[in-house]
Amino acid sequence: MQRKHNKEIVPAAKMLRKNMTKEEKHLWYDFLRAYPVRFSRQKVLGKYIADFYCAKAKLVIELDGSGHYTEQGKLHDEKRTDFLEEYGLTVVRIPNTEIHKNFRGVCEYIDRLVEQSLTAFGGAPFAQGSLDTAR
């Protein structure tokens, strides 16, 4: 997989970073940006751009708005997930509504996924307390 830079879509990734949705901004600025395990936003992974990516935990987090629930959106997401999973990545889809209704629960869920992944891949546990910043 071309992880570094797919030159064709790097400009799109930069544009998405500058124009994040309000849900992406909330998750990034109020949780992932200061998370003890590094996350990247709008990361180019092969021919796709992941909303959030944690290399150490091999985790991709996608926030899904209404466009993801159309037939075309579901098909695109399925292809994308299959592609990323072929490289050993776990893809997690979180509806935007969960960011609004249950932000702390979303943060706790991500925290558990990262911890499980690090344990599974033999990584050292990280200091707990990362949820103290989740608003």
C-alpha atoms as a PDB file:
ATOM      1  CA  MET A   1       0.000   0.000   0.000  1.00  0.00           C
ATOM      2  CA  GLN A   2       1.233   3.478  -0.770  1.00  0.00           C
ATOM      3  CA  ARG A   3       1.114   4.978   2.705  1.00  0.00           C
ATOM      4  CA  LYS A   4       3.416   7.933   2.367  1.00  0.00           C
ATOM      5  CA  HIS A   5       2.138  10.160  -0.383  1.00  0.00           C
ATOM      6  CA  ASN A   6      -0.140   9.404  -3.241  1.00  0.00           C
ATOM      7  CA  LYS A   7       0.728  12.656  -4.991  1.00  0.00           C
ATOM      8  CA  GLU A   8      -2.589  12.721  -6.816  1.00  0.00           C
ATOM      9  CA  ILE A   9      -4.667  13.022  -3.642  1.00  0.00           C
ATOM     10  CA  VAL A  10      -2.331  14.922  -1.305  1.00  0.00           C
ATOM     11  CA  PRO A  11      -3.947  18.264  -2.290  1.00  0.00           C
ATOM     12  CA  ALA A  12      -7.375  16.812  -1.455  1.00  0.00           C
ATOM     13  CA  ALA A  13      -6.102  15.640   1.946  1.00  0.00           C
ATOM     14  CA  LYS A  14      -4.709  19.114   2.672  1.00  0.00           C
ATOM     15  CA  MET A  15      -8.016  20.693   1.680  1.00  0.00           C
ATOM     16  CA  LEU A  16      -9.920  18.286   3.951  1.00  0.00           C
ATOM     17  CA  ARG A  17      -7.590  19.145   6.846  1.00  0.00           C
ATOM     18  CA  LYS A  18      -8.371  22.825   6.390  1.00  0.00           C
ATOM     19  CA  ASN A  19     -12.110  22.210   5.992  1.00  0.00           C
ATOM     20  CA  MET A  20     -12.922  19.576   8.584  1.00  0.00           C
ATOM     21  CA  THR A  21     -16.554  18.949   9.475  1.00  0.00           C
ATOM     22  CA  LYS A  22     -17.694  20.189  12.868  1.00  0.00           C
ATOM     23  CA  GLU A  23     -17.727  16.570  14.094  1.00  0.00           C
ATOM     24  CA  GLU A  24     -14.149  16.010  12.901  1.00  0.00           C
ATOM     25  CA  LYS A  25     -13.055  19.264  14.561  1.00  0.00           C
ATOM     26  CA  HIS A  26     -14.701  18.243  17.827  1.00  0.00           C
ATOM     27  CA  LEU A  27     -13.072  14.806  17.880  1.00  0.00           C
ATOM     28  CA  TRP A  28      -9.678  16.189  16.812  1.00  0.00           C
ATOM     29  CA  TYR A  29      -9.396  19.285  18.990  1.00  0.00           C
ATOM     30  CA  ASP A  30     -11.183  17.912  22.050  1.00  0.00           C
ATOM     31  CA  PHE A  31      -9.677  14.424  22.126  1.00  0.00           C
ATOM     32  CA  LEU A  32      -7.364  12.984  19.458  1.00  0.00           C
ATOM     33  CA  ARG A  33      -4.927  15.873  19.065  1.00  0.00           C
ATOM     34  CA  ALA A  34      -3.657  15.460  22.647  1.00  0.00           C
ATOM     35  CA  TYR A  35      -4.162  11.689  22.839  1.00  0.00           C
ATOM     36  CA  PRO A  36      -1.100   9.888  24.270  1.00  0.00           C
ATOM     37  CA  VAL A  37      -0.778   7.715  21.143  1.00  0.00           C
ATOM     38  CA  ARG A  38      -0.288   9.778  17.976  1.00  0.00           C
ATOM     39  CA  PHE A  39      -3.157  10.154  15.522  1.00  0.00           C
ATOM     40  CA  SER A  40      -3.035  11.857  12.128  1.00  0.00           C
ATOM     41  CA  ARG A  41      -5.995  13.516  10.460  1.00  0.00           C
ATOM     42  CA  GLN A  42      -6.955  13.224   6.800  1.00  0.00           C
ATOM     43  CA  LYS A  43      -4.128  10.747   6.241  1.00  0.00           C
ATOM     44  CA  VAL A  44      -3.383   9.460   2.749  1.00  0.00           C
ATOM     45  CA  LEU A  45      -3.390   5.660   2.830  1.00  0.00           C
ATOM     46  CA  GLY A  46      -2.919   4.242  -0.622  1.00  0.00           C
ATOM     47  CA  LYS A  47      -5.702   5.561  -2.820  1.00  0.00           C
ATOM     48  CA  TYR A  48      -7.852   6.744   0.089  1.00  0.00           C
ATOM     49  CA  ILE A  49      -7.858   9.508   2.693  1.00  0.00           C
ATOM     50  CA  ALA A  50      -8.673   8.354   6.228  1.00  0.00           C
ATOM     51  CA  ASP A  51     -10.397  10.803   8.572  1.00  0.00           C
ATOM     52  CA  PHE A  52      -8.123   9.757  11.450  1.00  0.00           C
ATOM     53  CA  TYR A  53      -5.262   7.252  11.512  1.00  0.00           C
ATOM     54  CA  CYS A  54      -3.146   5.781  14.279  1.00  0.00           C
ATOM     55  CA  ALA A  55      -0.142   3.916  12.852  1.00  0.00           C
ATOM     56  CA  LYS A  56       0.922   2.434  16.186  1.00  0.00           C
ATOM     57  CA  ALA A  57      -2.509   0.874  16.804  1.00  0.00           C
ATOM     58  CA  LYS A  58      -3.119   0.125  13.096  1.00  0.00           C
ATOM     59  CA  LEU A  59      -6.449   1.913  13.441  1.00  0.00           C
ATOM     60  CA  VAL A  60      -8.492   4.025  11.027  1.00  0.00           C
ATOM     61  CA  ILE A  61     -11.427   6.025  12.361  1.00  0.00           C
ATOM     62  CA  GLU A  62     -14.036   7.257   9.919  1.00  0.00           C
ATOM     63  CA  LEU A  63     -16.786   9.675  10.917  1.00  0.00           C
ATOM     64  CA  ASP A  64     -19.898   9.055   8.859  1.00  0.00           C
ATOM     65  CA  GLY A  65     -22.405  11.714   7.881  1.00  0.00           C
ATOM     66  CA  SER A  66     -25.605  11.153   5.924  1.00  0.00           C
ATOM     67  CA  GLY A  67     -23.801  10.564   2.604  1.00  0.00           C
ATOM     68  CA  HIS A  68     -22.382   7.319   3.927  1.00  0.00           C
ATOM     69  CA  TYR A  69     -25.831   5.766   4.278  1.00  0.00           C
ATOM     70  CA  THR A  70     -26.836   5.929   0.610  1.00  0.00           C
ATOM     71  CA  GLU A  71     -26.362   2.842  -1.554  1.00  0.00           C
ATOM     72  CA  GLN A  72     -23.463   4.494  -3.360  1.00  0.00           C
ATOM     73  CA  GLY A  73     -21.918   5.618  -0.065  1.00  0.00           C
ATOM     74  CA  LYS A  74     -22.209   2.147   1.465  1.00  0.00           C
ATOM     75  CA  LEU A  75     -20.588   0.549  -1.592  1.00  0.00           C
ATOM     76  CA  HIS A  76     -17.704   3.038  -1.564  1.00  0.00           C
ATOM     77  CA  ASP A  77     -17.163   2.534   2.179  1.00  0.00           C
ATOM     78  CA  GLU A  78     -17.170  -1.246   1.768  1.00  0.00           C
ATOM     79  CA  LYS A  79     -14.488  -1.089  -0.966  1.00  0.00           C
ATOM     80  CA  ARG A  80     -12.417   1.310   1.099  1.00  0.00           C
ATOM     81  CA  THR A  81     -12.670  -0.838   4.231  1.00  0.00           C
ATOM     82  CA  ASP A  82     -11.720  -3.992   2.303  1.00  0.00           C
ATOM     83  CA  PHE A  83      -8.700  -2.208   0.811  1.00  0.00           C
ATOM     84  CA  LEU A  84      -7.464  -0.933   4.185  1.00  0.00           C
ATOM     85  CA  GLU A  85      -8.090  -4.225   5.989  1.00  0.00           C
ATOM     86  CA  GLU A  86      -5.909  -6.016   3.417  1.00  0.00           C
ATOM     87  CA  TYR A  87      -3.013  -4.134   5.011  1.00  0.00           C
ATOM     88  CA  GLY A  88      -3.834  -5.216   8.540  1.00  0.00           C
ATOM     89  CA  LEU A  89      -5.649  -2.034   9.523  1.00  0.00           C
ATOM     90  CA  THR A  90      -8.808  -1.973  11.610  1.00  0.00           C
ATOM     91  CA  VAL A  91     -11.430   0.408  10.240  1.00  0.00           C
ATOM     92  CA  VAL A  92     -14.001   1.805  12.657  1.00  0.00           C
ATOM     93  CA  ARG A  93     -16.990   3.803  11.451  1.00  0.00           C
ATOM     94  CA  ILE A  94     -18.637   6.219  13.868  1.00  0.00           C
ATOM     95  CA  PRO A  95     -21.851   8.039  12.928  1.00  0.00           C
ATOM     96  CA  ASN A  96     -21.709  11.819  13.292  1.00  0.00           C
ATOM     97  CA  THR A  97     -24.799  11.604  15.490  1.00  0.00           C
ATOM     98  CA  GLU A  98     -22.731   9.727  18.105  1.00  0.00           C
ATOM     99  CA  ILE A  99     -20.262  12.619  18.266  1.00  0.00           C
ATOM    100  CA  HIS A 100     -23.190  14.909  19.160  1.00  0.00           C
ATOM    101  CA  LYS A 101     -25.113  12.592  21.479  1.00  0.00           C
ATOM    102  CA  ASN A 102     -22.385  10.584  23.186  1.00  0.00           C
ATOM    103  CA  PHE A 103     -18.985  12.232  22.753  1.00  0.00           C
ATOM    104  CA  ARG A 104     -17.511  10.815  25.932  1.00  0.00           C
ATOM    105  CA  GLY A 105     -18.707   7.330  24.973  1.00  0.00           C
ATOM    106  CA  VAL A 106     -17.049   7.690  21.563  1.00  0.00           C
ATOM    107  CA  CYS A 107     -13.794   8.729  23.247  1.00  0.00           C
ATOM    108  CA  GLU A 108     -13.968   5.787  25.657  1.00  0.00           C
ATOM    109  CA  TYR A 109     -14.618   3.446  22.708  1.00  0.00           C
ATOM    110  CA  ILE A 110     -11.591   4.772  20.805  1.00  0.00           C
ATOM    111  CA  ASP A 111      -9.495   4.522  23.972  1.00  0.00           C
ATOM    112  CA  ARG A 112     -10.464   0.837  24.390  1.00  0.00           C
ATOM    113  CA  LEU A 113      -9.729   0.082  20.724  1.00  0.00           C
ATOM    114  CA  VAL A 114      -6.269   1.627  20.929  1.00  0.00           C
ATOM    115  CA  GLU A 115      -5.474  -0.160  24.171  1.00  0.00           C
ATOM    116  CA  GLN A 116      -6.647  -3.518  22.779  1.00  0.00           C
ATOM    117  CA  SER A 117      -4.674  -3.001  19.595  1.00  0.00           C
ATOM    118  CA  LEU A 118      -1.474  -2.062  21.410  1.00  0.00           C
ATOM    119  CA  THR A 119      -1.822  -5.102  23.655  1.00  0.00           C
ATOM    120  CA  ALA A 120      -2.467  -7.367  20.648  1.00  0.00           C
ATOM    121  CA  PHE A 121       0.567  -6.021  18.778  1.00  0.00           C
ATOM    122  CA  GLY A 122       2.820  -6.245  21.819  1.00  0.00           C
ATOM    123  CA  GLY A 123       3.010  -2.526  22.408  1.00  0.00           C
ATOM    124  CA  ALA A 124       3.513  -1.071  25.831  1.00  0.00           C
ATOM    125  CA  PRO A 125       0.403   0.213  27.565  1.00  0.00           C
ATOM    126  CA  PHE A 126       0.160   3.962  27.779  1.00  0.00           C
ATOM    127  CA  ALA A 127      -0.720   6.139  30.716  1.00  0.00           C
ATOM    128  CA  GLN A 128      -4.418   6.283  31.363  1.00  0.00           C
ATOM    129  CA  GLY A 129      -6.100   9.600  31.899  1.00  0.00           C
ATOM    130  CA  SER A 130      -6.369  10.469  28.226  1.00  0.00           C
ATOM    131  CA  LEU A 131     -10.113  10.816  28.701  1.00  0.00           C
ATOM    132  CA  ASP A 132      -9.671  13.658  31.150  1.00  0.00           C
ATOM    133  CA  THR A 133      -9.542  16.049  28.201  1.00  0.00           C
ATOM    134  CA  ALA A 134     -12.663  14.679  26.467  1.00  0.00           C
ATOM    135  CA  ARG A 135     -15.438  17.228  26.670  1.00  0.00           C
END
